[in-house]
Amino acid sequence: MKTESRCLRMIKKKMVRVLTVAGLLACLASGCASGGSSVGKEAAADEIKKGGFTVAASCHDPQIIREGDTYYMFGSHMVGAKCQDLRKWNYFANGVDAANTLFDNLLTEPYAAFDFVGKNTDNGYSVWASNVIYNETMKKYVMYFCTTSSYVKSTLCFATADNIEGPYTYVDTILYSGYGKSNISETNLYDVLGKNADISRYLEYGGYNNKEWPNCIDPAIFTDADGRMWMNYGSWSGGIFLLEIDPTTGYPIYPVDDKDADPYYGYRLIGGGHHSAEGPYIQYDAENGYYYLFLMETCRVMVGIRFGSFAVKSQRDHMWMWQEIHWKIRTIISIMV
């Protein structure tokens, strides 16, 4: 209980900071003056900087990384673009079709990445939210991405390449959502959990329980303070989850022996009950020892949440690590909404 008390004290401190910021934002929005007068003096027309620029690339769910002096942008619909100034983007890949050289085997027989999800409502294939890293151990560029055909029927996959621009070779599908009792055998759940595993917790009335478990989309990789690799992912449905990644293979380390995590989906960070949250991204700041979680809430608000540094020394520490993060994030979000 000492750990819990310490966590609660830290939460209260964070709450004060969040409420202070929220109050300042509300003040700026409303005017903070009698009669609703605006804050500050409006700039004269000749003081306002004018001009613009043309964006030469369109990218949904973007990720930007730098390689040397070049910035690369990846995202949904097999988009790849690059530039050197974060302004003048040029495509080197675009469009979900076999002519796109970003992949060399994704849209060819046997279409393995789409075995489970099939085609979307437009009778095409959906490839979303590509996230590219350079894996130092594998000496490969690794792209994590999702395929989907409905608001809940999705998979997380990964591919590898020797060059950041590809071509990427599809390797495997690592997570599934949106299955039911009749087609769960088409997933890898029994491979991960064992052929006699009880999978009833993932189902409701014979179908996928998407109030409790995630829609497997929007993967993003980060490295913690100890150099361990993690993938945070998820959208709407059962919340945002986290799985450790094995840097030697690129596959998840499914926590089958950790009683504080789901053996398949991993650690729940936030969400559940079909509350909206998607597009998670965690950034570690080595200077202050904090981790920052960014996500979309209700498809309109970008939330940035700071939570404390941690070190995993034992199973118990591991448990408290995620408990602490979970409660801090849920408490702050509940105040801000």
C-alpha atoms as a PDB file:
ATOM      1  CA  MET A   1       0.000   0.000   0.000  1.00  0.00           C
ATOM      2  CA  LYS A   2       2.987   2.313   0.407  1.00  0.00           C
ATOM      3  CA  THR A   3       3.467   2.240  -3.364  1.00  0.00           C
ATOM      4  CA  GLU A   4      -0.189   3.082  -3.912  1.00  0.00           C
ATOM      5  CA  SER A   5       0.002   6.029  -1.518  1.00  0.00           C
ATOM      6  CA  ARG A   6       3.081   7.368  -3.311  1.00  0.00           C
ATOM      7  CA  CYS A   7       1.291   7.029  -6.655  1.00  0.00           C
ATOM      8  CA  LEU A   8      -1.757   8.914  -5.351  1.00  0.00           C
ATOM      9  CA  ARG A   9       0.415  11.740  -4.057  1.00  0.00           C
ATOM     10  CA  MET A  10       2.088  12.033  -7.458  1.00  0.00           C
ATOM     11  CA  ILE A  11      -1.272  12.015  -9.207  1.00  0.00           C
ATOM     12  CA  LYS A  12      -2.533  14.887  -7.043  1.00  0.00           C
ATOM     13  CA  LYS A  13       0.539  16.959  -7.949  1.00  0.00           C
ATOM     14  CA  LYS A  14      -0.030  16.263 -11.650  1.00  0.00           C
ATOM     15  CA  MET A  15      -3.734  17.105 -11.257  1.00  0.00           C
ATOM     16  CA  VAL A  16      -2.894  20.562  -9.920  1.00  0.00           C
ATOM     17  CA  ARG A  17      -0.638  21.213 -12.924  1.00  0.00           C
ATOM     18  CA  VAL A  18      -3.255  19.974 -15.385  1.00  0.00           C
ATOM     19  CA  LEU A  19      -6.027  22.034 -13.780  1.00  0.00           C
ATOM     20  CA  THR A  20      -3.792  25.113 -13.836  1.00  0.00           C
ATOM     21  CA  VAL A  21      -3.063  24.678 -17.539  1.00  0.00           C
ATOM     22  CA  ALA A  22      -6.722  23.914 -18.246  1.00  0.00           C
ATOM     23  CA  GLY A  23      -7.744  27.069 -16.416  1.00  0.00           C
ATOM     24  CA  LEU A  24      -5.305  29.188 -18.409  1.00  0.00           C
ATOM     25  CA  LEU A  25      -6.555  27.711 -21.672  1.00  0.00           C
ATOM     26  CA  ALA A  26     -10.167  28.345 -20.706  1.00  0.00           C
ATOM     27  CA  CYS A  27      -9.227  31.884 -19.741  1.00  0.00           C
ATOM     28  CA  LEU A  28      -7.600  32.544 -23.097  1.00  0.00           C
ATOM     29  CA  ALA A  29     -10.566  31.068 -24.950  1.00  0.00           C
ATOM     30  CA  SER A  30     -13.195  33.105 -23.066  1.00  0.00           C
ATOM     31  CA  GLY A  31     -11.343  36.402 -22.798  1.00  0.00           C
ATOM     32  CA  CYS A  32     -10.734  36.461 -19.000  1.00  0.00           C
ATOM     33  CA  ALA A  33     -12.318  39.871 -18.799  1.00  0.00           C
ATOM     34  CA  SER A  34     -15.728  41.280 -18.019  1.00  0.00           C
ATOM     35  CA  GLY A  35     -18.002  41.548 -21.010  1.00  0.00           C
ATOM     36  CA  GLY A  36     -16.072  38.841 -22.873  1.00  0.00           C
ATOM     37  CA  SER A  37     -13.451  41.225 -24.263  1.00  0.00           C
ATOM     38  CA  SER A  38     -10.566  39.631 -26.164  1.00  0.00           C
ATOM     39  CA  VAL A  39      -7.104  39.126 -24.743  1.00  0.00           C
ATOM     40  CA  GLY A  40      -4.446  41.450 -26.099  1.00  0.00           C
ATOM     41  CA  LYS A  41      -4.618  43.809 -29.055  1.00  0.00           C
ATOM     42  CA  GLU A  42      -5.390  42.555 -32.526  1.00  0.00           C
ATOM     43  CA  ALA A  43      -2.491  43.000 -34.922  1.00  0.00           C
ATOM     44  CA  ALA A  44      -2.814  45.487 -37.741  1.00  0.00           C
ATOM     45  CA  ALA A  45      -3.236  44.068 -41.237  1.00  0.00           C
ATOM     46  CA  ASP A  46       0.249  45.168 -42.329  1.00  0.00           C
ATOM     47  CA  GLU A  47       1.795  43.383 -39.317  1.00  0.00           C
ATOM     48  CA  ILE A  48       0.374  39.986 -40.199  1.00  0.00           C
ATOM     49  CA  LYS A  49       2.767  37.781 -42.098  1.00  0.00           C
ATOM     50  CA  LYS A  50       1.343  36.699 -45.428  1.00  0.00           C
ATOM     51  CA  GLY A  51       2.208  33.958 -47.844  1.00  0.00           C
ATOM     52  CA  GLY A  52       2.024  30.206 -47.990  1.00  0.00           C
ATOM     53  CA  PHE A  53       3.376  27.133 -49.592  1.00  0.00           C
ATOM     54  CA  THR A  54       2.101  24.176 -51.549  1.00  0.00           C
ATOM     55  CA  VAL A  55       2.109  20.765 -49.925  1.00  0.00           C
ATOM     56  CA  ALA A  56       3.173  18.301 -52.589  1.00  0.00           C
ATOM     57  CA  ALA A  57       2.247  15.156 -50.644  1.00  0.00           C
ATOM     58  CA  SER A  58      -0.824  14.083 -48.715  1.00  0.00           C
ATOM     59  CA  CYS A  59      -0.373  11.559 -45.919  1.00  0.00           C
ATOM     60  CA  HIS A  60      -2.955  10.188 -43.492  1.00  0.00           C
ATOM     61  CA  ASP A  61      -1.659   8.889 -40.109  1.00  0.00           C
ATOM     62  CA  PRO A  62       1.831  10.294 -40.777  1.00  0.00           C
ATOM     63  CA  GLN A  63       5.119   9.380 -39.166  1.00  0.00           C
ATOM     64  CA  ILE A  64       8.236  11.464 -39.894  1.00  0.00           C
ATOM     65  CA  ILE A  65      11.754  10.170 -39.303  1.00  0.00           C
ATOM     66  CA  ARG A  66      15.158  11.534 -40.314  1.00  0.00           C
ATOM     67  CA  GLU A  67      17.866   9.614 -42.097  1.00  0.00           C
ATOM     68  CA  GLY A  68      21.009  11.717 -42.542  1.00  0.00           C
ATOM     69  CA  ASP A  69      19.909  15.084 -43.903  1.00  0.00           C
ATOM     70  CA  THR A  70      16.647  13.747 -45.355  1.00  0.00           C
ATOM     71  CA  TYR A  71      13.234  13.541 -43.698  1.00  0.00           C
ATOM     72  CA  TYR A  72      10.988  10.606 -44.577  1.00  0.00           C
ATOM     73  CA  MET A  73       7.236  10.452 -44.090  1.00  0.00           C
ATOM     74  CA  PHE A  74       5.228   7.223 -44.004  1.00  0.00           C
ATOM     75  CA  GLY A  75       1.528   6.715 -43.383  1.00  0.00           C
ATOM     76  CA  SER A  76      -1.661   5.098 -44.532  1.00  0.00           C
ATOM     77  CA  HIS A  77      -2.411   3.939 -48.076  1.00  0.00           C
ATOM     78  CA  MET A  78       1.227   2.950 -48.701  1.00  0.00           C
ATOM     79  CA  VAL A  79       2.399   6.555 -48.871  1.00  0.00           C
ATOM     80  CA  GLY A  80       6.095   7.405 -48.730  1.00  0.00           C
ATOM     81  CA  ALA A  81       7.477  10.916 -49.201  1.00  0.00           C
ATOM     82  CA  LYS A  82      10.747  12.720 -48.498  1.00  0.00           C
ATOM     83  CA  CYS A  83      12.264  16.186 -48.295  1.00  0.00           C
ATOM     84  CA  GLN A  84      15.079  18.112 -46.633  1.00  0.00           C
ATOM     85  CA  ASP A  85      13.178  21.061 -45.196  1.00  0.00           C
ATOM     86  CA  LEU A  86       9.898  19.581 -43.865  1.00  0.00           C
ATOM     87  CA  ARG A  87       8.055  21.602 -46.517  1.00  0.00           C
ATOM     88  CA  LYS A  88       8.754  20.505 -50.078  1.00  0.00           C
ATOM     89  CA  TRP A  89       7.679  16.871 -49.913  1.00  0.00           C
ATOM     90  CA  ASN A  90       7.981  14.542 -52.866  1.00  0.00           C
ATOM     91  CA  TYR A  91       6.389  11.112 -53.161  1.00  0.00           C
ATOM     92  CA  PHE A  92       8.500   8.041 -53.701  1.00  0.00           C
ATOM     93  CA  ALA A  93       5.512   5.759 -53.052  1.00  0.00           C
ATOM     94  CA  ASN A  94       1.757   6.267 -53.137  1.00  0.00           C
ATOM     95  CA  GLY A  95      -1.341   4.139 -53.490  1.00  0.00           C
ATOM     96  CA  VAL A  96      -2.472   0.650 -52.536  1.00  0.00           C
ATOM     97  CA  ASP A  97      -1.703  -1.225 -55.732  1.00  0.00           C
ATOM     98  CA  ALA A  98       0.888  -3.658 -57.055  1.00  0.00           C
ATOM     99  CA  ALA A  99       2.626  -0.895 -59.021  1.00  0.00           C
ATOM    100  CA  ASN A 100       3.693   0.779 -55.772  1.00  0.00           C
ATOM    101  CA  THR A 101       7.303  -0.251 -55.143  1.00  0.00           C
ATOM    102  CA  LEU A 102       7.130   0.348 -51.378  1.00  0.00           C
ATOM    103  CA  PHE A 103       6.455  -3.409 -50.993  1.00  0.00           C
ATOM    104  CA  ASP A 104       7.632  -6.286 -53.137  1.00  0.00           C
ATOM    105  CA  ASN A 105       5.180  -8.979 -52.022  1.00  0.00           C
ATOM    106  CA  LEU A 106       2.269  -7.412 -50.125  1.00  0.00           C
ATOM    107  CA  LEU A 107      -0.134  -7.198 -53.054  1.00  0.00           C
ATOM    108  CA  THR A 108       0.825 -10.415 -54.781  1.00  0.00           C
ATOM    109  CA  GLU A 109      -0.396 -13.971 -54.309  1.00  0.00           C
ATOM    110  CA  PRO A 110      -1.206 -15.316 -51.773  1.00  0.00           C
ATOM    111  CA  TYR A 111      -2.104 -11.883 -50.246  1.00  0.00           C
ATOM    112  CA  ALA A 112      -1.197 -13.273 -46.826  1.00  0.00           C
ATOM    113  CA  ALA A 113      -1.570  -9.955 -44.994  1.00  0.00           C
ATOM    114  CA  PHE A 114      -5.223  -9.883 -46.028  1.00  0.00           C
ATOM    115  CA  ASP A 115      -6.122 -13.536 -45.434  1.00  0.00           C
ATOM    116  CA  PHE A 116      -8.130 -12.675 -42.346  1.00  0.00           C
ATOM    117  CA  VAL A 117      -9.476  -9.165 -42.952  1.00  0.00           C
ATOM    118  CA  GLY A 118     -10.276  -9.525 -46.664  1.00  0.00           C
ATOM    119  CA  LYS A 119     -11.275  -6.510 -48.729  1.00  0.00           C
ATOM    120  CA  ASN A 120     -12.806  -3.257 -47.533  1.00  0.00           C
ATOM    121  CA  THR A 121     -16.227  -1.852 -48.458  1.00  0.00           C
ATOM    122  CA  ASP A 122     -14.758  -0.376 -51.658  1.00  0.00           C
ATOM    123  CA  ASN A 123     -13.623  -3.852 -52.726  1.00  0.00           C
ATOM    124  CA  GLY A 124      -9.997  -2.896 -52.216  1.00  0.00           C
ATOM    125  CA  TYR A 125      -7.320  -3.499 -49.600  1.00  0.00           C
ATOM    126  CA  SER A 126      -6.696  -1.204 -46.646  1.00  0.00           C
ATOM    127  CA  VAL A 127      -3.099  -0.634 -45.489  1.00  0.00           C
ATOM    128  CA  TRP A 128      -2.938   1.900 -42.668  1.00  0.00           C
ATOM    129  CA  ALA A 129      -0.602   3.710 -40.284  1.00  0.00           C
ATOM    130  CA  SER A 130       2.847   2.517 -41.343  1.00  0.00           C
ATOM    131  CA  ASN A 131       5.530   3.019 -38.689  1.00  0.00           C
ATOM    132  CA  VAL A 132       9.173   2.590 -39.746  1.00  0.00           C
ATOM    133  CA  ILE A 133      12.222   2.105 -37.522  1.00  0.00           C
ATOM    134  CA  TYR A 134      15.779   1.008 -38.102  1.00  0.00           C
ATOM    135  CA  ASN A 135      16.362  -2.102 -36.005  1.00  0.00           C
ATOM    136  CA  GLU A 136      20.032  -2.080 -35.036  1.00  0.00           C
ATOM    137  CA  THR A 137      20.009  -5.726 -33.995  1.00  0.00           C
ATOM    138  CA  MET A 138      18.385  -7.016 -37.179  1.00  0.00           C
ATOM    139  CA  LYS A 139      20.298  -4.499 -39.345  1.00  0.00           C
ATOM    140  CA  LYS A 140      17.040  -3.913 -41.175  1.00  0.00           C
ATOM    141  CA  TYR A 141      14.442  -1.217 -41.608  1.00  0.00           C
ATOM    142  CA  VAL A 142      11.267  -2.609 -40.074  1.00  0.00           C
ATOM    143  CA  MET A 143       7.808  -1.349 -40.939  1.00  0.00           C
ATOM    144  CA  TYR A 144       4.867  -2.090 -38.651  1.00  0.00           C
ATOM    145  CA  PHE A 145       1.461  -1.480 -40.212  1.00  0.00           C
ATOM    146  CA  CYS A 146      -2.136  -2.625 -40.071  1.00  0.00           C
ATOM    147  CA  THR A 147      -4.641  -4.099 -42.496  1.00  0.00           C
ATOM    148  CA  THR A 148      -8.354  -3.700 -41.876  1.00  0.00           C
ATOM    149  CA  SER A 149     -11.802  -4.106 -43.376  1.00  0.00           C
ATOM    150  CA  SER A 150     -14.136  -2.808 -40.661  1.00  0.00           C
ATOM    151  CA  TYR A 151     -14.208  -0.758 -37.481  1.00  0.00           C
ATOM    152  CA  VAL A 152     -12.944  -3.758 -35.519  1.00  0.00           C
ATOM    153  CA  LYS A 153     -11.674  -6.462 -37.907  1.00  0.00           C
ATOM    154  CA  SER A 154      -7.977  -5.658 -38.232  1.00  0.00           C
ATOM    155  CA  THR A 155      -4.484  -7.095 -38.032  1.00  0.00           C
ATOM    156  CA  LEU A 156      -1.027  -5.797 -37.154  1.00  0.00           C
ATOM    157  CA  CYS A 157       1.768  -6.883 -39.499  1.00  0.00           C
ATOM    158  CA  PHE A 158       5.433  -6.159 -40.099  1.00  0.00           C
ATOM    159  CA  ALA A 159       7.797  -6.055 -43.063  1.00  0.00           C
ATOM    160  CA  THR A 160      11.537  -5.534 -43.492  1.00  0.00           C
ATOM    161  CA  ALA A 161      13.834  -3.785 -45.990  1.00  0.00           C
ATOM    162  CA  ASP A 162      17.519  -3.030 -46.520  1.00  0.00           C
ATOM    163  CA  ASN A 163      16.762   0.506 -47.696  1.00  0.00           C
ATOM    164  CA  ILE A 164      14.488   3.001 -45.977  1.00  0.00           C
ATOM    165  CA  GLU A 165      12.587   3.574 -49.229  1.00  0.00           C
ATOM    166  CA  GLY A 166      12.040  -0.145 -49.688  1.00  0.00           C
ATOM    167  CA  PRO A 167      11.056  -2.394 -51.137  1.00  0.00           C
ATOM    168  CA  TYR A 168       9.679  -3.847 -47.919  1.00  0.00           C
ATOM    169  CA  THR A 169       9.012  -7.565 -47.726  1.00  0.00           C
ATOM    170  CA  TYR A 170       5.971  -8.640 -45.737  1.00  0.00           C
ATOM    171  CA  VAL A 171       7.093 -11.031 -42.995  1.00  0.00           C
ATOM    172  CA  ASP A 172       4.112 -11.950 -40.849  1.00  0.00           C
ATOM    173  CA  THR A 173       0.878 -10.958 -39.114  1.00  0.00           C
ATOM    174  CA  ILE A 174       1.360 -10.664 -35.363  1.00  0.00           C
ATOM    175  CA  LEU A 175      -1.981  -9.544 -33.850  1.00  0.00           C
ATOM    176  CA  TYR A 176      -5.637 -10.011 -34.763  1.00  0.00           C
ATOM    177  CA  SER A 177      -8.897  -8.383 -33.696  1.00  0.00           C
ATOM    178  CA  GLY A 178     -12.522  -8.644 -34.786  1.00  0.00           C
ATOM    179  CA  TYR A 179     -12.718 -12.428 -34.902  1.00  0.00           C
ATOM    180  CA  GLY A 180     -15.549 -14.555 -33.546  1.00  0.00           C
ATOM    181  CA  LYS A 181     -16.029 -18.081 -32.317  1.00  0.00           C
ATOM    182  CA  SER A 182     -16.524 -19.314 -35.883  1.00  0.00           C
ATOM    183  CA  ASN A 183     -13.265 -17.954 -37.334  1.00  0.00           C
ATOM    184  CA  ILE A 184     -10.844 -17.613 -34.426  1.00  0.00           C
ATOM    185  CA  SER A 185      -8.918 -20.534 -35.900  1.00  0.00           C
ATOM    186  CA  GLU A 186      -7.901 -18.194 -38.751  1.00  0.00           C
ATOM    187  CA  THR A 187      -5.873 -16.112 -36.296  1.00  0.00           C
ATOM    188  CA  ASN A 188      -2.678 -16.891 -34.368  1.00  0.00           C
ATOM    189  CA  LEU A 189      -4.301 -16.932 -30.913  1.00  0.00           C
ATOM    190  CA  TYR A 190      -3.994 -20.673 -30.436  1.00  0.00           C
ATOM    191  CA  ASP A 191      -0.408 -20.555 -31.714  1.00  0.00           C
ATOM    192  CA  VAL A 192       0.458 -17.998 -29.033  1.00  0.00           C
ATOM    193  CA  LEU A 193      -1.709 -19.224 -26.159  1.00  0.00           C
ATOM    194  CA  GLY A 194      -1.764 -22.968 -26.814  1.00  0.00           C
ATOM    195  CA  LYS A 195      -4.277 -25.181 -28.595  1.00  0.00           C
ATOM    196  CA  ASN A 196      -6.337 -25.739 -25.432  1.00  0.00           C
ATOM    197  CA  ALA A 197      -6.382 -22.089 -24.354  1.00  0.00           C
ATOM    198  CA  ASP A 198      -9.601 -20.617 -22.987  1.00  0.00           C
ATOM    199  CA  ILE A 199     -10.410 -17.777 -25.399  1.00  0.00           C
ATOM    200  CA  SER A 200     -13.863 -17.005 -23.961  1.00  0.00           C
ATOM    201  CA  ARG A 201     -12.634 -13.722 -22.427  1.00  0.00           C
ATOM    202  CA  TYR A 202     -12.156 -12.294 -25.920  1.00  0.00           C
ATOM    203  CA  LEU A 203     -15.726 -13.072 -26.988  1.00  0.00           C
ATOM    204  CA  GLU A 204     -19.200 -11.765 -26.247  1.00  0.00           C
ATOM    205  CA  TYR A 205     -22.272 -13.563 -27.584  1.00  0.00           C
ATOM    206  CA  GLY A 206     -20.012 -15.502 -29.918  1.00  0.00           C
ATOM    207  CA  GLY A 207     -18.457 -12.392 -31.458  1.00  0.00           C
ATOM    208  CA  TYR A 208     -15.434 -10.242 -30.634  1.00  0.00           C
ATOM    209  CA  ASN A 209     -15.782  -8.255 -27.408  1.00  0.00           C
ATOM    210  CA  ASN A 210     -14.598  -4.903 -28.695  1.00  0.00           C
ATOM    211  CA  LYS A 211     -15.589  -3.117 -25.503  1.00  0.00           C
ATOM    212  CA  GLU A 212     -12.867  -4.994 -23.669  1.00  0.00           C
ATOM    213  CA  TRP A 213     -10.227  -5.648 -26.346  1.00  0.00           C
ATOM    214  CA  PRO A 214      -8.577  -3.369 -28.931  1.00  0.00           C
ATOM    215  CA  ASN A 215      -8.994  -2.779 -32.600  1.00  0.00           C
ATOM    216  CA  CYS A 216      -5.511  -3.807 -33.782  1.00  0.00           C
ATOM    217  CA  ILE A 217      -4.449  -0.696 -35.678  1.00  0.00           C
ATOM    218  CA  ASP A 218      -2.078   2.292 -35.339  1.00  0.00           C
ATOM    219  CA  PRO A 219       1.185   0.639 -34.227  1.00  0.00           C
ATOM    220  CA  ALA A 220       4.104   2.778 -33.051  1.00  0.00           C
ATOM    221  CA  ILE A 221       7.491   1.630 -31.784  1.00  0.00           C
ATOM    222  CA  PHE A 222       9.585   3.287 -29.069  1.00  0.00           C
ATOM    223  CA  THR A 223      12.611   2.398 -26.952  1.00  0.00           C
ATOM    224  CA  ASP A 224      12.599   2.879 -23.204  1.00  0.00           C
ATOM    225  CA  ALA A 225      15.360   4.159 -20.912  1.00  0.00           C
ATOM    226  CA  ASP A 226      16.847   0.680 -20.624  1.00  0.00           C
ATOM    227  CA  GLY A 227      16.952   0.121 -24.385  1.00  0.00           C
ATOM    228  CA  ARG A 228      13.968  -2.227 -24.472  1.00  0.00           C
ATOM    229  CA  MET A 229      11.722  -1.981 -27.516  1.00  0.00           C
ATOM    230  CA  TRP A 230       7.951  -1.589 -27.196  1.00  0.00           C
ATOM    231  CA  MET A 231       4.964  -1.276 -29.522  1.00  0.00           C
ATOM    232  CA  ASN A 232       1.954   0.759 -28.430  1.00  0.00           C
ATOM    233  CA  TYR A 233      -1.168   0.327 -30.525  1.00  0.00           C
ATOM    234  CA  GLY A 234      -4.947   0.273 -30.504  1.00  0.00           C
ATOM    235  CA  SER A 235      -7.963   2.357 -31.278  1.00  0.00           C
ATOM    236  CA  TRP A 236     -11.360   2.952 -29.749  1.00  0.00           C
ATOM    237  CA  SER A 237     -12.866  -0.364 -28.617  1.00  0.00           C
ATOM    238  CA  GLY A 238     -11.000  -1.809 -25.670  1.00  0.00           C
ATOM    239  CA  GLY A 239      -8.338   0.862 -25.388  1.00  0.00           C
ATOM    240  CA  ILE A 240      -4.645   1.467 -26.010  1.00  0.00           C
ATOM    241  CA  PHE A 241      -2.278  -1.452 -25.394  1.00  0.00           C
ATOM    242  CA  LEU A 242       1.437  -2.107 -25.184  1.00  0.00           C
ATOM    243  CA  LEU A 243       3.594  -5.103 -26.114  1.00  0.00           C
ATOM    244  CA  GLU A 244       7.330  -5.579 -25.819  1.00  0.00           C
ATOM    245  CA  ILE A 245       9.152  -6.312 -29.107  1.00  0.00           C
ATOM    246  CA  ASP A 246      12.011  -8.761 -29.469  1.00  0.00           C
ATOM    247  CA  PRO A 247      14.743  -6.761 -31.263  1.00  0.00           C
ATOM    248  CA  THR A 248      16.346  -9.934 -32.628  1.00  0.00           C
ATOM    249  CA  THR A 249      13.228 -10.959 -34.591  1.00  0.00           C
ATOM    250  CA  GLY A 250      10.832  -8.012 -34.722  1.00  0.00           C
ATOM    251  CA  TYR A 251       8.089 -10.178 -33.204  1.00  0.00           C
ATOM    252  CA  PRO A 252       6.193  -9.319 -29.999  1.00  0.00           C
ATOM    253  CA  ILE A 253       7.171 -10.891 -26.711  1.00  0.00           C
ATOM    254  CA  TYR A 254       3.719 -12.102 -25.705  1.00  0.00           C
ATOM    255  CA  PRO A 255       3.472 -11.876 -21.877  1.00  0.00           C
ATOM    256  CA  VAL A 256       1.946 -15.328 -21.465  1.00  0.00           C
ATOM    257  CA  ASP A 257       3.422 -15.753 -17.978  1.00  0.00           C
ATOM    258  CA  ASP A 258       2.656 -12.274 -16.645  1.00  0.00           C
ATOM    259  CA  LYS A 259      -0.503 -12.315 -14.520  1.00  0.00           C
ATOM    260  CA  ASP A 260      -0.727  -8.517 -14.720  1.00  0.00           C
ATOM    261  CA  ALA A 261      -1.031  -8.440 -18.512  1.00  0.00           C
ATOM    262  CA  ASP A 262      -3.216 -10.083 -21.082  1.00  0.00           C
ATOM    263  CA  PRO A 263      -1.168 -12.955 -22.521  1.00  0.00           C
ATOM    264  CA  TYR A 264      -2.041 -11.984 -26.099  1.00  0.00           C
ATOM    265  CA  TYR A 265      -2.703  -8.236 -26.254  1.00  0.00           C
ATOM    266  CA  GLY A 266      -0.283  -7.190 -23.522  1.00  0.00           C
ATOM    267  CA  TYR A 267      -0.599  -4.247 -21.139  1.00  0.00           C
ATOM    268  CA  ARG A 268      -3.620  -1.983 -21.242  1.00  0.00           C
ATOM    269  CA  LEU A 269      -2.523   1.645 -20.892  1.00  0.00           C
ATOM    270  CA  ILE A 270      -5.840   3.473 -21.101  1.00  0.00           C
ATOM    271  CA  GLY A 271      -9.359   3.074 -22.407  1.00  0.00           C
ATOM    272  CA  GLY A 272     -11.936   0.344 -22.546  1.00  0.00           C
ATOM    273  CA  GLY A 273     -15.704   0.326 -22.671  1.00  0.00           C
ATOM    274  CA  HIS A 274     -15.590   1.629 -26.246  1.00  0.00           C
ATOM    275  CA  HIS A 275     -14.363   5.059 -25.142  1.00  0.00           C
ATOM    276  CA  SER A 276     -12.622   6.839 -27.979  1.00  0.00           C
ATOM    277  CA  ALA A 277      -8.821   6.928 -28.236  1.00  0.00           C
ATOM    278  CA  GLU A 278      -6.558   6.173 -31.169  1.00  0.00           C
ATOM    279  CA  GLY A 279      -3.219   6.824 -32.827  1.00  0.00           C
ATOM    280  CA  PRO A 280      -1.032   6.408 -29.695  1.00  0.00           C
ATOM    281  CA  TYR A 281       2.614   7.426 -29.710  1.00  0.00           C
ATOM    282  CA  ILE A 282       5.029   7.331 -26.767  1.00  0.00           C
ATOM    283  CA  GLN A 283       8.178   9.446 -26.697  1.00  0.00           C
ATOM    284  CA  TYR A 284      10.895   9.105 -24.068  1.00  0.00           C
ATOM    285  CA  ASP A 285      12.787  12.241 -23.039  1.00  0.00           C
ATOM    286  CA  ALA A 286      16.211  11.247 -21.714  1.00  0.00           C
ATOM    287  CA  GLU A 287      16.868  14.735 -20.326  1.00  0.00           C
ATOM    288  CA  ASN A 288      14.028  14.752 -17.799  1.00  0.00           C
ATOM    289  CA  GLY A 289      13.401  11.007 -17.533  1.00  0.00           C
ATOM    290  CA  TYR A 290       9.745  11.276 -18.513  1.00  0.00           C
ATOM    291  CA  TYR A 291       7.666   9.398 -21.065  1.00  0.00           C
ATOM    292  CA  TYR A 292       5.051  11.293 -23.099  1.00  0.00           C
ATOM    293  CA  LEU A 293       1.954   9.624 -24.513  1.00  0.00           C
ATOM    294  CA  PHE A 294       0.234  11.370 -27.417  1.00  0.00           C
ATOM    295  CA  LEU A 295      -3.085  10.190 -28.808  1.00  0.00           C
ATOM    296  CA  MET A 296      -6.284  11.297 -30.467  1.00  0.00           C
ATOM    297  CA  GLU A 297      -9.355  11.482 -28.263  1.00  0.00           C
ATOM    298  CA  THR A 298     -12.821  11.745 -29.827  1.00  0.00           C
ATOM    299  CA  CYS A 299     -11.127  12.317 -33.204  1.00  0.00           C
ATOM    300  CA  ARG A 300     -10.581  15.961 -32.418  1.00  0.00           C
ATOM    301  CA  VAL A 301      -8.247  16.482 -29.459  1.00  0.00           C
ATOM    302  CA  MET A 302      -4.550  15.693 -29.332  1.00  0.00           C
ATOM    303  CA  VAL A 303      -3.662  14.777 -25.767  1.00  0.00           C
ATOM    304  CA  GLY A 304      -0.123  14.910 -24.437  1.00  0.00           C
ATOM    305  CA  ILE A 305       0.397  13.187 -21.109  1.00  0.00           C
ATOM    306  CA  ARG A 306       3.595  13.073 -19.082  1.00  0.00           C
ATOM    307  CA  PHE A 307       4.260  10.191 -16.768  1.00  0.00           C
ATOM    308  CA  GLY A 308       7.207   9.307 -14.583  1.00  0.00           C
ATOM    309  CA  SER A 309      10.316   7.330 -15.340  1.00  0.00           C
ATOM    310  CA  PHE A 310      10.460   3.688 -14.337  1.00  0.00           C
ATOM    311  CA  ALA A 311      12.837   0.772 -14.038  1.00  0.00           C
ATOM    312  CA  VAL A 312      11.809  -2.861 -14.265  1.00  0.00           C
ATOM    313  CA  LYS A 313      13.750  -4.805 -11.636  1.00  0.00           C
ATOM    314  CA  SER A 314      11.285  -7.556 -10.805  1.00  0.00           C
ATOM    315  CA  GLN A 315       7.836  -8.859 -11.583  1.00  0.00           C
ATOM    316  CA  ARG A 316       6.412  -6.709  -8.787  1.00  0.00           C
ATOM    317  CA  ASP A 317       8.084  -3.564 -10.138  1.00  0.00           C
ATOM    318  CA  HIS A 318       6.687  -4.446 -13.552  1.00  0.00           C
ATOM    319  CA  MET A 319       3.182  -4.640 -12.118  1.00  0.00           C
ATOM    320  CA  TRP A 320       3.426  -1.290 -10.345  1.00  0.00           C
ATOM    321  CA  MET A 321       4.974   0.365 -13.365  1.00  0.00           C
ATOM    322  CA  TRP A 322       1.871  -0.143 -15.479  1.00  0.00           C
ATOM    323  CA  GLN A 323      -0.539   0.395 -12.612  1.00  0.00           C
ATOM    324  CA  GLU A 324       1.031   3.786 -11.998  1.00  0.00           C
ATOM    325  CA  ILE A 325       0.935   4.806 -15.660  1.00  0.00           C
ATOM    326  CA  HIS A 326      -2.613   3.515 -16.068  1.00  0.00           C
ATOM    327  CA  TRP A 327      -4.021   5.494 -13.166  1.00  0.00           C
ATOM    328  CA  LYS A 328      -2.145   8.685 -13.903  1.00  0.00           C
ATOM    329  CA  ILE A 329      -3.347   8.771 -17.482  1.00  0.00           C
ATOM    330  CA  ARG A 330      -6.941   7.857 -16.661  1.00  0.00           C
ATOM    331  CA  THR A 331      -7.104  10.441 -13.869  1.00  0.00           C
ATOM    332  CA  ILE A 332      -5.692  13.268 -15.985  1.00  0.00           C
ATOM    333  CA  ILE A 333      -7.879  12.489 -18.983  1.00  0.00           C
ATOM    334  CA  SER A 334     -11.021  12.288 -16.832  1.00  0.00           C
ATOM    335  CA  ILE A 335     -10.292  15.784 -15.527  1.00  0.00           C
ATOM    336  CA  MET A 336      -9.549  17.288 -18.921  1.00  0.00           C
ATOM    337  CA  VAL A 337     -12.609  15.914 -20.746  1.00  0.00           C
END
